[in-house]
Amino acid sequence: MDFTRRSLIAGGAGAMVAGLAAPQLASAQSPAASPSAASPAATKPPVTAAAAQVPSAYRYKVGDVVVTAVSDGMRTIPLSDTFVRNQPKDAVNAALKAAFLPENQVPISFTVLLLDIGGRKVLVDTGNGGQPGPVGLVRGTLGDLGVDPASVDQVVISHFHADHINGLLTAEGTPAFPKAQLLVPEREWAFWMDDGQMSRAPDAQKGGFQNARRVFKPFEGKVERYAWDKELAPGLTAVGTPGHTPGHTSFTLASGSDALFIQSDLTNLPALFVRNPSWQVMFDMDPAMAAEVRRKTYDRLSSERTQVAGYHFPFPGAAHLEKAGEGFRYVPVLWRPVL
């Protein structure tokens, strides 16, 4: 797990040169689709060596646990009329402008967490997979950090959207973390692997079912399903936060007197959905439930002053949330040069 500034730069930006990975689901317009499945019109020109960043990773501690935030990159998609289901596009653009973000486009970051819990390496979600480029950077950055994929002991999945599970496989379709115990939410598995649910789903959602089955096929008989409120590793407990998907799961990481709430996809872009928790993003499968769970969870986290890690928060994805009127204020953690 140890790495230095030298190891961060090792390999250079050239190792990250590639075009934008092709989407693996049908359309980002599907509520069941992942934000990683942007339409071809949303793709960008290939990243040149001069423009590419050095590998993106940041370490911080939660008690005795070392948390390494590993960026899987960022996509920018056009702002559609229905990106926020219950708000007009003008209101969404106003919120983007207020946050000093470009109007008519939505930046979506992806951050995977590697937890070192007593020498045990636990990866929470796996990223988009695919080729290196603006997304799909996790395995390359782990390599730059000196982390052999075969040294990962556990992979814990929060839900089955493509940007969280596609990184389970290499480009050749083999397990990317070959020795890891694979843990998935039992409610998520029950939904996406149910033939009846797939047959009743709208055509736009069927790609999500097909993708989940494709990804998990190489792990047949080896996928362990966990219940909410179960401790999955020392101090790491599953928390049910449904709405984004039927089995969407967050996690509480506790060590000593410290705690981190790993919220997975409880919200998307903070400038929109932390500030306005009642806004409903197009990716939420049950938008009303997602909004209710989001508000209740944020009320508790802000009251307890618990640090939060968000999969789609701006890198490194760690912040505190402060109650502010009808919503919450996003307060990024202070960057520290040493642990």
C-alpha atoms as a PDB file:
ATOM      1  CA  MET A   1       0.000   0.000   0.000  1.00  0.00           C
ATOM      2  CA  ASP A   2       2.885   2.453   0.623  1.00  0.00           C
ATOM      3  CA  PHE A   3       3.682   4.829  -2.167  1.00  0.00           C
ATOM      4  CA  THR A   4       5.623   8.024  -2.636  1.00  0.00           C
ATOM      5  CA  ARG A   5       5.529  11.017  -4.915  1.00  0.00           C
ATOM      6  CA  ARG A   6       8.068   9.195  -7.086  1.00  0.00           C
ATOM      7  CA  SER A   7       5.750   6.186  -7.449  1.00  0.00           C
ATOM      8  CA  LEU A   8       2.825   8.432  -8.299  1.00  0.00           C
ATOM      9  CA  ILE A   9       4.729   9.914 -11.205  1.00  0.00           C
ATOM     10  CA  ALA A  10       6.253   6.584 -12.269  1.00  0.00           C
ATOM     11  CA  GLY A  11       5.002   5.454 -15.606  1.00  0.00           C
ATOM     12  CA  GLY A  12       4.231   9.043 -16.578  1.00  0.00           C
ATOM     13  CA  ALA A  13       1.238  10.406 -18.344  1.00  0.00           C
ATOM     14  CA  GLY A  14       2.010   8.354 -21.427  1.00  0.00           C
ATOM     15  CA  ALA A  15       0.658   5.245 -19.735  1.00  0.00           C
ATOM     16  CA  MET A  16      -2.738   6.899 -19.662  1.00  0.00           C
ATOM     17  CA  VAL A  17      -3.030   7.837 -23.343  1.00  0.00           C
ATOM     18  CA  ALA A  18      -6.103   6.412 -25.056  1.00  0.00           C
ATOM     19  CA  GLY A  19      -9.449   7.312 -26.502  1.00  0.00           C
ATOM     20  CA  LEU A  20     -12.640   7.350 -24.550  1.00  0.00           C
ATOM     21  CA  ALA A  21     -13.781   3.786 -23.860  1.00  0.00           C
ATOM     22  CA  ALA A  22     -16.840   2.713 -25.819  1.00  0.00           C
ATOM     23  CA  PRO A  23     -19.995   2.528 -23.698  1.00  0.00           C
ATOM     24  CA  GLN A  24     -21.087  -0.976 -22.720  1.00  0.00           C
ATOM     25  CA  LEU A  25     -24.749  -0.252 -22.084  1.00  0.00           C
ATOM     26  CA  ALA A  26     -27.306   0.936 -24.556  1.00  0.00           C
ATOM     27  CA  SER A  27     -27.989   4.492 -23.394  1.00  0.00           C
ATOM     28  CA  ALA A  28     -27.401   6.911 -20.561  1.00  0.00           C
ATOM     29  CA  GLN A  29     -31.045   7.873 -20.928  1.00  0.00           C
ATOM     30  CA  SER A  30     -32.102   4.622 -19.224  1.00  0.00           C
ATOM     31  CA  PRO A  31     -32.762   4.919 -15.482  1.00  0.00           C
ATOM     32  CA  ALA A  32     -31.073   1.523 -15.105  1.00  0.00           C
ATOM     33  CA  ALA A  33     -28.095   2.640 -17.133  1.00  0.00           C
ATOM     34  CA  SER A  34     -24.857   3.738 -15.567  1.00  0.00           C
ATOM     35  CA  PRO A  35     -23.527   7.267 -16.038  1.00  0.00           C
ATOM     36  CA  SER A  36     -20.552   5.533 -17.666  1.00  0.00           C
ATOM     37  CA  ALA A  37     -22.803   4.615 -20.579  1.00  0.00           C
ATOM     38  CA  ALA A  38     -22.792   8.024 -22.206  1.00  0.00           C
ATOM     39  CA  SER A  39     -23.940   8.255 -25.808  1.00  0.00           C
ATOM     40  CA  PRO A  40     -21.285   8.497 -28.565  1.00  0.00           C
ATOM     41  CA  ALA A  41     -22.179  12.168 -28.995  1.00  0.00           C
ATOM     42  CA  ALA A  42     -20.928  12.785 -25.460  1.00  0.00           C
ATOM     43  CA  THR A  43     -17.472  11.332 -26.097  1.00  0.00           C
ATOM     44  CA  LYS A  44     -14.365  13.468 -26.351  1.00  0.00           C
ATOM     45  CA  PRO A  45     -11.343  13.368 -28.666  1.00  0.00           C
ATOM     46  CA  PRO A  46      -8.479  11.073 -27.633  1.00  0.00           C
ATOM     47  CA  VAL A  47      -6.392  12.320 -24.720  1.00  0.00           C
ATOM     48  CA  THR A  48      -2.860  13.274 -25.740  1.00  0.00           C
ATOM     49  CA  ALA A  49       0.188  12.561 -23.604  1.00  0.00           C
ATOM     50  CA  ALA A  50       0.675  16.254 -22.934  1.00  0.00           C
ATOM     51  CA  ALA A  51      -2.906  16.666 -21.726  1.00  0.00           C
ATOM     52  CA  ALA A  52      -3.131  13.544 -19.545  1.00  0.00           C
ATOM     53  CA  GLN A  53      -2.823  13.880 -15.772  1.00  0.00           C
ATOM     54  CA  VAL A  54      -0.451  11.823 -13.657  1.00  0.00           C
ATOM     55  CA  PRO A  55      -2.142   8.863 -11.929  1.00  0.00           C
ATOM     56  CA  SER A  56      -4.816  10.087  -9.509  1.00  0.00           C
ATOM     57  CA  ALA A  57      -4.748   8.619  -6.014  1.00  0.00           C
ATOM     58  CA  TYR A  58      -5.069  10.101  -2.549  1.00  0.00           C
ATOM     59  CA  ARG A  59      -4.621   8.462   0.857  1.00  0.00           C
ATOM     60  CA  TYR A  60      -6.246   9.358   4.141  1.00  0.00           C
ATOM     61  CA  LYS A  61      -6.830   7.547   7.408  1.00  0.00           C
ATOM     62  CA  VAL A  62      -9.964   6.509   9.234  1.00  0.00           C
ATOM     63  CA  GLY A  63      -8.653   5.400  12.591  1.00  0.00           C
ATOM     64  CA  ASP A  64      -6.136   2.665  11.784  1.00  0.00           C
ATOM     65  CA  VAL A  65      -7.539   2.051   8.287  1.00  0.00           C
ATOM     66  CA  VAL A  66      -5.708   3.556   5.324  1.00  0.00           C
ATOM     67  CA  VAL A  67      -8.173   4.630   2.631  1.00  0.00           C
ATOM     68  CA  THR A  68      -6.800   5.102  -0.880  1.00  0.00           C
ATOM     69  CA  ALA A  69      -9.129   6.993  -3.210  1.00  0.00           C
ATOM     70  CA  VAL A  70      -8.394   5.856  -6.769  1.00  0.00           C
ATOM     71  CA  SER A  71      -9.859   7.883  -9.616  1.00  0.00           C
ATOM     72  CA  ASP A  72     -11.413   5.935 -12.459  1.00  0.00           C
ATOM     73  CA  GLY A  73     -11.578   9.168 -14.453  1.00  0.00           C
ATOM     74  CA  MET A  74     -14.415  11.493 -15.385  1.00  0.00           C
ATOM     75  CA  ARG A  75     -17.005  11.745 -18.131  1.00  0.00           C
ATOM     76  CA  THR A  76     -18.799  14.875 -19.246  1.00  0.00           C
ATOM     77  CA  ILE A  77     -22.244  14.301 -20.717  1.00  0.00           C
ATOM     78  CA  PRO A  78     -24.683  16.774 -22.267  1.00  0.00           C
ATOM     79  CA  LEU A  79     -27.323  18.090 -19.897  1.00  0.00           C
ATOM     80  CA  SER A  80     -30.571  16.578 -21.124  1.00  0.00           C
ATOM     81  CA  ASP A  81     -34.031  17.948 -20.353  1.00  0.00           C
ATOM     82  CA  THR A  82     -34.626  14.924 -18.108  1.00  0.00           C
ATOM     83  CA  PHE A  83     -31.273  14.652 -16.294  1.00  0.00           C
ATOM     84  CA  VAL A  84     -33.090  16.038 -13.254  1.00  0.00           C
ATOM     85  CA  ARG A  85     -36.548  14.563 -13.560  1.00  0.00           C
ATOM     86  CA  ASN A  86     -38.431  16.983 -11.347  1.00  0.00           C
ATOM     87  CA  GLN A  87     -36.769  20.275 -12.288  1.00  0.00           C
ATOM     88  CA  PRO A  88     -36.731  22.342 -15.488  1.00  0.00           C
ATOM     89  CA  LYS A  89     -33.463  22.542 -17.370  1.00  0.00           C
ATOM     90  CA  ASP A  90     -33.166  26.267 -16.610  1.00  0.00           C
ATOM     91  CA  ALA A  91     -33.116  25.555 -12.860  1.00  0.00           C
ATOM     92  CA  VAL A  92     -30.437  22.911 -13.323  1.00  0.00           C
ATOM     93  CA  ASN A  93     -28.312  25.270 -15.402  1.00  0.00           C
ATOM     94  CA  ALA A  94     -28.697  27.931 -12.735  1.00  0.00           C
ATOM     95  CA  ALA A  95     -27.382  25.488 -10.121  1.00  0.00           C
ATOM     96  CA  LEU A  96     -24.441  24.571 -12.348  1.00  0.00           C
ATOM     97  CA  LYS A  97     -23.620  28.239 -12.901  1.00  0.00           C
ATOM     98  CA  ALA A  98     -23.856  28.951  -9.163  1.00  0.00           C
ATOM     99  CA  ALA A  99     -21.279  26.195  -8.612  1.00  0.00           C
ATOM    100  CA  PHE A 100     -18.948  27.727 -11.261  1.00  0.00           C
ATOM    101  CA  LEU A 101     -19.537  24.783 -13.590  1.00  0.00           C
ATOM    102  CA  PRO A 102     -20.261  25.045 -17.336  1.00  0.00           C
ATOM    103  CA  GLU A 103     -23.908  25.129 -18.252  1.00  0.00           C
ATOM    104  CA  ASN A 104     -25.551  22.467 -20.440  1.00  0.00           C
ATOM    105  CA  GLN A 105     -23.114  19.738 -19.458  1.00  0.00           C
ATOM    106  CA  VAL A 106     -22.663  17.446 -16.486  1.00  0.00           C
ATOM    107  CA  PRO A 107     -19.238  16.320 -15.235  1.00  0.00           C
ATOM    108  CA  ILE A 108     -19.411  12.877 -13.611  1.00  0.00           C
ATOM    109  CA  SER A 109     -16.411  11.686 -11.623  1.00  0.00           C
ATOM    110  CA  PHE A 110     -15.772   8.068 -10.615  1.00  0.00           C
ATOM    111  CA  THR A 111     -13.758   7.175  -7.488  1.00  0.00           C
ATOM    112  CA  VAL A 112     -13.062   3.659  -6.226  1.00  0.00           C
ATOM    113  CA  LEU A 113     -11.823   3.083  -2.670  1.00  0.00           C
ATOM    114  CA  LEU A 114      -9.081   0.672  -1.631  1.00  0.00           C
ATOM    115  CA  LEU A 115      -9.140   0.009   2.111  1.00  0.00           C
ATOM    116  CA  ASP A 116      -6.160  -1.389   4.005  1.00  0.00           C
ATOM    117  CA  ILE A 117      -7.792  -2.999   7.025  1.00  0.00           C
ATOM    118  CA  GLY A 118      -5.150  -4.643   9.165  1.00  0.00           C
ATOM    119  CA  GLY A 119      -3.111  -5.596   6.098  1.00  0.00           C
ATOM    120  CA  ARG A 120      -6.162  -6.876   4.246  1.00  0.00           C
ATOM    121  CA  LYS A 121      -6.868  -5.095   0.937  1.00  0.00           C
ATOM    122  CA  VAL A 122     -10.565  -4.429   0.359  1.00  0.00           C
ATOM    123  CA  LEU A 123     -11.700  -2.774  -2.885  1.00  0.00           C
ATOM    124  CA  VAL A 124     -15.101  -1.055  -2.802  1.00  0.00           C
ATOM    125  CA  ASP A 125     -16.488  -1.150  -6.368  1.00  0.00           C
ATOM    126  CA  THR A 126     -14.281  -1.508  -9.434  1.00  0.00           C
ATOM    127  CA  GLY A 127     -14.927   1.303 -11.908  1.00  0.00           C
ATOM    128  CA  ASN A 128     -15.863   1.305 -15.572  1.00  0.00           C
ATOM    129  CA  GLY A 129     -13.365  -1.245 -16.845  1.00  0.00           C
ATOM    130  CA  GLY A 130     -12.398  -1.037 -20.511  1.00  0.00           C
ATOM    131  CA  GLN A 131      -9.377   0.675 -21.964  1.00  0.00           C
ATOM    132  CA  PRO A 132      -7.347   3.413 -20.232  1.00  0.00           C
ATOM    133  CA  GLY A 133      -8.409   6.940 -21.054  1.00  0.00           C
ATOM    134  CA  PRO A 134     -10.809   9.435 -19.496  1.00  0.00           C
ATOM    135  CA  VAL A 135     -12.408   6.472 -17.656  1.00  0.00           C
ATOM    136  CA  GLY A 136     -11.231   2.957 -16.838  1.00  0.00           C
ATOM    137  CA  LEU A 137      -8.115   4.059 -14.958  1.00  0.00           C
ATOM    138  CA  VAL A 138      -8.355   1.976 -11.765  1.00  0.00           C
ATOM    139  CA  ARG A 139      -6.142  -0.991 -12.630  1.00  0.00           C
ATOM    140  CA  GLY A 140      -3.492   1.214 -14.220  1.00  0.00           C
ATOM    141  CA  THR A 141      -3.328   3.489 -11.192  1.00  0.00           C
ATOM    142  CA  LEU A 142      -3.229   0.533  -8.808  1.00  0.00           C
ATOM    143  CA  GLY A 143      -0.236  -0.672 -10.815  1.00  0.00           C
ATOM    144  CA  ASP A 144       1.434   2.726 -10.463  1.00  0.00           C
ATOM    145  CA  LEU A 145       0.885   2.419  -6.702  1.00  0.00           C
ATOM    146  CA  GLY A 146       2.542  -1.002  -6.688  1.00  0.00           C
ATOM    147  CA  VAL A 147      -0.708  -2.839  -5.917  1.00  0.00           C
ATOM    148  CA  ASP A 148      -0.839  -6.178  -7.714  1.00  0.00           C
ATOM    149  CA  PRO A 149      -4.469  -7.020  -8.633  1.00  0.00           C
ATOM    150  CA  ALA A 150      -3.808 -10.517  -7.305  1.00  0.00           C
ATOM    151  CA  SER A 151      -3.051  -9.026  -3.873  1.00  0.00           C
ATOM    152  CA  VAL A 152      -6.605  -7.684  -3.440  1.00  0.00           C
ATOM    153  CA  ASP A 153      -8.300  -9.843  -0.810  1.00  0.00           C
ATOM    154  CA  GLN A 154     -11.923  -8.693  -1.143  1.00  0.00           C
ATOM    155  CA  VAL A 155     -14.010  -6.843  -3.698  1.00  0.00           C
ATOM    156  CA  VAL A 156     -17.216  -5.404  -2.258  1.00  0.00           C
ATOM    157  CA  ILE A 157     -19.851  -4.225  -4.754  1.00  0.00           C
ATOM    158  CA  SER A 158     -22.419  -1.553  -3.838  1.00  0.00           C
ATOM    159  CA  HIS A 159     -24.826  -2.111  -6.756  1.00  0.00           C
ATOM    160  CA  PHE A 160     -24.849  -3.403 -10.306  1.00  0.00           C
ATOM    161  CA  HIS A 161     -24.636  -0.314 -12.519  1.00  0.00           C
ATOM    162  CA  ALA A 162     -21.925  -0.735 -15.121  1.00  0.00           C
ATOM    163  CA  ASP A 163     -19.556   1.917 -13.775  1.00  0.00           C
ATOM    164  CA  HIS A 164     -19.330  -0.064 -10.519  1.00  0.00           C
ATOM    165  CA  ILE A 165     -19.045  -3.646 -11.807  1.00  0.00           C
ATOM    166  CA  ASN A 166     -17.445  -3.560 -15.264  1.00  0.00           C
ATOM    167  CA  GLY A 167     -13.991  -3.261 -13.710  1.00  0.00           C
ATOM    168  CA  LEU A 168     -14.402  -6.788 -12.325  1.00  0.00           C
ATOM    169  CA  LEU A 169     -13.253  -8.075 -15.717  1.00  0.00           C
ATOM    170  CA  THR A 170     -10.170  -7.486 -17.813  1.00  0.00           C
ATOM    171  CA  ALA A 171     -10.458  -6.567 -21.484  1.00  0.00           C
ATOM    172  CA  GLU A 172     -10.173 -10.303 -22.197  1.00  0.00           C
ATOM    173  CA  GLY A 173     -13.182 -11.079 -19.987  1.00  0.00           C
ATOM    174  CA  THR A 174     -11.222 -12.740 -17.165  1.00  0.00           C
ATOM    175  CA  PRO A 175     -11.400 -11.756 -13.478  1.00  0.00           C
ATOM    176  CA  ALA A 176      -9.398  -8.569 -12.926  1.00  0.00           C
ATOM    177  CA  PHE A 177      -8.783  -9.409  -9.251  1.00  0.00           C
ATOM    178  CA  PRO A 178      -8.301 -13.155  -9.521  1.00  0.00           C
ATOM    179  CA  LYS A 179      -7.797 -14.062  -5.858  1.00  0.00           C
ATOM    180  CA  ALA A 180     -10.348 -11.717  -4.292  1.00  0.00           C
ATOM    181  CA  GLN A 181     -13.466 -12.791  -2.451  1.00  0.00           C
ATOM    182  CA  LEU A 182     -16.388 -11.202  -4.339  1.00  0.00           C
ATOM    183  CA  LEU A 183     -19.251  -9.828  -2.223  1.00  0.00           C
ATOM    184  CA  VAL A 184     -22.489  -8.376  -3.631  1.00  0.00           C
ATOM    185  CA  PRO A 185     -25.756  -7.185  -2.015  1.00  0.00           C
ATOM    186  CA  GLU A 186     -28.237 -10.048  -1.880  1.00  0.00           C
ATOM    187  CA  ARG A 187     -31.164  -7.753  -2.787  1.00  0.00           C
ATOM    188  CA  GLU A 188     -29.299  -6.400  -5.786  1.00  0.00           C
ATOM    189  CA  TRP A 189     -28.468  -9.901  -6.986  1.00  0.00           C
ATOM    190  CA  ALA A 190     -32.068 -11.051  -6.518  1.00  0.00           C
ATOM    191  CA  PHE A 191     -33.360  -8.196  -8.701  1.00  0.00           C
ATOM    192  CA  TRP A 192     -30.885  -8.212 -11.609  1.00  0.00           C
ATOM    193  CA  MET A 193     -30.681 -11.999 -11.877  1.00  0.00           C
ATOM    194  CA  ASP A 194     -34.450 -12.498 -11.893  1.00  0.00           C
ATOM    195  CA  ASP A 195     -35.717 -13.517 -15.342  1.00  0.00           C
ATOM    196  CA  GLY A 196     -39.176 -12.205 -14.522  1.00  0.00           C
ATOM    197  CA  GLN A 197     -37.839  -8.774 -13.607  1.00  0.00           C
ATOM    198  CA  MET A 198     -35.873  -8.657 -16.845  1.00  0.00           C
ATOM    199  CA  SER A 199     -38.876  -9.689 -18.944  1.00  0.00           C
ATOM    200  CA  ARG A 200     -41.045  -6.974 -17.362  1.00  0.00           C
ATOM    201  CA  ALA A 201     -38.423  -4.243 -17.588  1.00  0.00           C
ATOM    202  CA  PRO A 202     -38.736  -1.495 -20.210  1.00  0.00           C
ATOM    203  CA  ASP A 203     -36.582  -2.115 -23.259  1.00  0.00           C
ATOM    204  CA  ALA A 204     -34.280   0.737 -22.219  1.00  0.00           C
ATOM    205  CA  GLN A 205     -33.477  -1.095 -18.954  1.00  0.00           C
ATOM    206  CA  LYS A 206     -32.813  -4.538 -20.397  1.00  0.00           C
ATOM    207  CA  GLY A 207     -29.195  -3.675 -21.130  1.00  0.00           C
ATOM    208  CA  GLY A 208     -28.552  -3.375 -17.396  1.00  0.00           C
ATOM    209  CA  PHE A 209     -29.785  -6.929 -16.814  1.00  0.00           C
ATOM    210  CA  GLN A 210     -27.733  -8.262 -19.705  1.00  0.00           C
ATOM    211  CA  ASN A 211     -24.597  -6.468 -18.569  1.00  0.00           C
ATOM    212  CA  ALA A 212     -24.850  -7.760 -14.995  1.00  0.00           C
ATOM    213  CA  ARG A 213     -25.181 -11.320 -16.250  1.00  0.00           C
ATOM    214  CA  ARG A 214     -22.220 -10.853 -18.603  1.00  0.00           C
ATOM    215  CA  VAL A 215     -19.988  -9.473 -15.861  1.00  0.00           C
ATOM    216  CA  PHE A 216     -20.807 -12.104 -13.238  1.00  0.00           C
ATOM    217  CA  LYS A 217     -20.745 -15.135 -15.544  1.00  0.00           C
ATOM    218  CA  PRO A 218     -16.999 -15.812 -15.032  1.00  0.00           C
ATOM    219  CA  PHE A 219     -17.646 -15.861 -11.267  1.00  0.00           C
ATOM    220  CA  GLU A 220     -20.414 -18.463 -11.429  1.00  0.00           C
ATOM    221  CA  GLY A 221     -20.669 -20.234  -8.076  1.00  0.00           C
ATOM    222  CA  LYS A 222     -18.140 -17.885  -6.460  1.00  0.00           C
ATOM    223  CA  VAL A 223     -20.262 -14.797  -5.782  1.00  0.00           C
ATOM    224  CA  GLU A 224     -21.074 -14.329  -2.097  1.00  0.00           C
ATOM    225  CA  ARG A 225     -24.258 -12.397  -1.331  1.00  0.00           C
ATOM    226  CA  TYR A 226     -24.456 -10.254   1.774  1.00  0.00           C
ATOM    227  CA  ALA A 227     -27.356  -8.849   3.780  1.00  0.00           C
ATOM    228  CA  TRP A 228     -27.690  -5.246   4.906  1.00  0.00           C
ATOM    229  CA  ASP A 229     -26.288  -4.533   8.385  1.00  0.00           C
ATOM    230  CA  LYS A 230     -23.709  -7.292   7.951  1.00  0.00           C
ATOM    231  CA  GLU A 231     -20.052  -6.627   8.791  1.00  0.00           C
ATOM    232  CA  LEU A 232     -18.146  -7.516   5.617  1.00  0.00           C
ATOM    233  CA  ALA A 233     -14.631  -6.822   6.897  1.00  0.00           C
ATOM    234  CA  PRO A 234     -13.465  -5.576  10.308  1.00  0.00           C
ATOM    235  CA  GLY A 235     -15.245  -2.252  10.812  1.00  0.00           C
ATOM    236  CA  LEU A 236     -16.912  -2.237   7.351  1.00  0.00           C
ATOM    237  CA  THR A 237     -20.691  -2.657   7.586  1.00  0.00           C
ATOM    238  CA  ALA A 238     -23.294  -2.710   4.795  1.00  0.00           C
ATOM    239  CA  VAL A 239     -26.049  -0.086   5.026  1.00  0.00           C
ATOM    240  CA  GLY A 240     -29.214  -0.389   2.945  1.00  0.00           C
ATOM    241  CA  THR A 241     -29.843   2.787   0.909  1.00  0.00           C
ATOM    242  CA  PRO A 242     -32.305   1.665  -1.798  1.00  0.00           C
ATOM    243  CA  GLY A 243     -33.846   3.831  -4.472  1.00  0.00           C
ATOM    244  CA  HIS A 244     -30.958   4.347  -6.844  1.00  0.00           C
ATOM    245  CA  THR A 245     -31.366   0.617  -7.472  1.00  0.00           C
ATOM    246  CA  PRO A 246     -33.449  -1.907  -5.494  1.00  0.00           C
ATOM    247  CA  GLY A 247     -30.430  -3.232  -3.611  1.00  0.00           C
ATOM    248  CA  HIS A 248     -28.243  -0.115  -3.584  1.00  0.00           C
ATOM    249  CA  THR A 249     -25.888  -0.297  -0.612  1.00  0.00           C
ATOM    250  CA  SER A 250     -23.712   2.188   1.250  1.00  0.00           C
ATOM    251  CA  PHE A 251     -21.161   1.324   3.930  1.00  0.00           C
ATOM    252  CA  THR A 252     -20.019   2.531   7.312  1.00  0.00           C
ATOM    253  CA  LEU A 253     -16.296   2.223   7.962  1.00  0.00           C
ATOM    254  CA  ALA A 254     -15.469   2.513  11.661  1.00  0.00           C
ATOM    255  CA  SER A 255     -12.048   2.338  13.300  1.00  0.00           C
ATOM    256  CA  GLY A 256     -11.380   3.544  16.821  1.00  0.00           C
ATOM    257  CA  SER A 257     -13.241   6.825  17.308  1.00  0.00           C
ATOM    258  CA  ASP A 258     -13.261   7.613  13.568  1.00  0.00           C
ATOM    259  CA  ALA A 259     -15.919   6.837  10.972  1.00  0.00           C
ATOM    260  CA  LEU A 260     -16.426   7.252   7.240  1.00  0.00           C
ATOM    261  CA  PHE A 261     -19.752   6.833   5.460  1.00  0.00           C
ATOM    262  CA  ILE A 262     -19.163   5.406   1.972  1.00  0.00           C
ATOM    263  CA  GLN A 263     -22.331   6.573   0.232  1.00  0.00           C
ATOM    264  CA  SER A 264     -21.824   4.912  -3.168  1.00  0.00           C
ATOM    265  CA  ASP A 265     -24.436   6.536  -5.481  1.00  0.00           C
ATOM    266  CA  LEU A 266     -26.683   8.081  -2.863  1.00  0.00           C
ATOM    267  CA  THR A 267     -26.175  11.256  -4.902  1.00  0.00           C
ATOM    268  CA  ASN A 268     -24.658  12.144  -8.224  1.00  0.00           C
ATOM    269  CA  LEU A 269     -23.054  15.586  -8.766  1.00  0.00           C
ATOM    270  CA  PRO A 270     -22.960  17.372  -5.357  1.00  0.00           C
ATOM    271  CA  ALA A 271     -23.599  20.819  -6.870  1.00  0.00           C
ATOM    272  CA  LEU A 272     -27.033  19.558  -7.870  1.00  0.00           C
ATOM    273  CA  PHE A 273     -28.085  16.819  -5.469  1.00  0.00           C
ATOM    274  CA  VAL A 274     -26.323  17.617  -2.193  1.00  0.00           C
ATOM    275  CA  ARG A 275     -27.468  21.208  -2.399  1.00  0.00           C
ATOM    276  CA  ASN A 276     -30.923  20.020  -3.511  1.00  0.00           C
ATOM    277  CA  PRO A 277     -31.515  16.548  -2.033  1.00  0.00           C
ATOM    278  CA  SER A 278     -35.110  16.399  -3.297  1.00  0.00           C
ATOM    279  CA  TRP A 279     -33.946  16.661  -6.929  1.00  0.00           C
ATOM    280  CA  GLN A 280     -34.268  13.340  -8.737  1.00  0.00           C
ATOM    281  CA  VAL A 281     -31.490  12.245 -11.070  1.00  0.00           C
ATOM    282  CA  MET A 282     -32.404  10.199 -14.130  1.00  0.00           C
ATOM    283  CA  PHE A 283     -30.246   7.272 -12.986  1.00  0.00           C
ATOM    284  CA  ASP A 284     -32.360   6.604  -9.871  1.00  0.00           C
ATOM    285  CA  MET A 285     -34.699   3.679 -10.540  1.00  0.00           C
ATOM    286  CA  ASP A 286     -37.106   4.693  -7.758  1.00  0.00           C
ATOM    287  CA  PRO A 287     -36.587   8.471  -7.648  1.00  0.00           C
ATOM    288  CA  ALA A 288     -38.985   9.204  -4.777  1.00  0.00           C
ATOM    289  CA  MET A 289     -37.449   6.534  -2.552  1.00  0.00           C
ATOM    290  CA  ALA A 290     -33.921   7.646  -3.462  1.00  0.00           C
ATOM    291  CA  ALA A 291     -34.722  11.253  -2.500  1.00  0.00           C
ATOM    292  CA  GLU A 292     -36.279  10.202   0.805  1.00  0.00           C
ATOM    293  CA  VAL A 293     -33.338   7.959   1.718  1.00  0.00           C
ATOM    294  CA  ARG A 294     -30.872  10.660   0.667  1.00  0.00           C
ATOM    295  CA  ARG A 295     -32.439  13.333   2.873  1.00  0.00           C
ATOM    296  CA  LYS A 296     -32.758  11.082   5.923  1.00  0.00           C
ATOM    297  CA  THR A 297     -29.192   9.885   5.530  1.00  0.00           C
ATOM    298  CA  TYR A 298     -27.788  13.379   5.062  1.00  0.00           C
ATOM    299  CA  ASP A 299     -29.751  14.705   8.037  1.00  0.00           C
ATOM    300  CA  ARG A 300     -28.050  12.074  10.188  1.00  0.00           C
ATOM    301  CA  LEU A 301     -24.560  12.477   8.722  1.00  0.00           C
ATOM    302  CA  SER A 302     -24.620  16.268   9.006  1.00  0.00           C
ATOM    303  CA  SER A 303     -25.884  16.092  12.587  1.00  0.00           C
ATOM    304  CA  GLU A 304     -23.186  13.578  13.533  1.00  0.00           C
ATOM    305  CA  ARG A 305     -20.510  15.449  11.515  1.00  0.00           C
ATOM    306  CA  THR A 306     -19.507  12.186   9.860  1.00  0.00           C
ATOM    307  CA  GLN A 307     -17.103  12.311   6.940  1.00  0.00           C
ATOM    308  CA  VAL A 308     -18.607  11.072   3.663  1.00  0.00           C
ATOM    309  CA  ALA A 309     -17.008   9.444   0.608  1.00  0.00           C
ATOM    310  CA  GLY A 310     -19.029   9.707  -2.599  1.00  0.00           C
ATOM    311  CA  TYR A 311     -18.396   7.675  -5.728  1.00  0.00           C
ATOM    312  CA  HIS A 312     -19.396  10.615  -7.954  1.00  0.00           C
ATOM    313  CA  PHE A 313     -18.066  13.408  -5.727  1.00  0.00           C
ATOM    314  CA  PRO A 314     -15.175  15.439  -7.212  1.00  0.00           C
ATOM    315  CA  PHE A 315     -11.896  13.604  -6.644  1.00  0.00           C
ATOM    316  CA  PRO A 316     -10.791  12.498  -4.061  1.00  0.00           C
ATOM    317  CA  GLY A 317     -14.469  12.237  -3.181  1.00  0.00           C
ATOM    318  CA  ALA A 318     -14.286  12.914   0.562  1.00  0.00           C
ATOM    319  CA  ALA A 319     -16.240  15.686   2.283  1.00  0.00           C
ATOM    320  CA  HIS A 320     -18.428  16.762   5.152  1.00  0.00           C
ATOM    321  CA  LEU A 321     -22.036  17.823   4.670  1.00  0.00           C
ATOM    322  CA  GLU A 322     -23.484  20.746   6.577  1.00  0.00           C
ATOM    323  CA  LYS A 323     -27.200  21.484   6.812  1.00  0.00           C
ATOM    324  CA  ALA A 324     -28.000  24.637   4.820  1.00  0.00           C
ATOM    325  CA  GLY A 325     -31.636  25.644   4.407  1.00  0.00           C
ATOM    326  CA  GLU A 326     -33.557  22.944   2.555  1.00  0.00           C
ATOM    327  CA  GLY A 327     -30.343  21.252   1.442  1.00  0.00           C
ATOM    328  CA  PHE A 328     -26.764  20.728   2.465  1.00  0.00           C
ATOM    329  CA  ARG A 329     -23.427  22.429   1.957  1.00  0.00           C
ATOM    330  CA  TYR A 330     -20.613  20.342   0.510  1.00  0.00           C
ATOM    331  CA  VAL A 331     -17.328  20.881   2.411  1.00  0.00           C
ATOM    332  CA  PRO A 332     -14.363  19.046   0.835  1.00  0.00           C
ATOM    333  CA  VAL A 333     -11.779  17.512   3.143  1.00  0.00           C
ATOM    334  CA  LEU A 334      -8.497  19.331   3.631  1.00  0.00           C
ATOM    335  CA  TRP A 335      -5.752  17.861   1.455  1.00  0.00           C
ATOM    336  CA  ARG A 336      -2.844  16.605   3.531  1.00  0.00           C
ATOM    337  CA  PRO A 337       0.615  15.805   2.104  1.00  0.00           C
ATOM    338  CA  VAL A 338       1.268  12.998   4.608  1.00  0.00           C
ATOM    339  CA  LEU A 339      -0.907  10.539   6.490  1.00  0.00           C
END
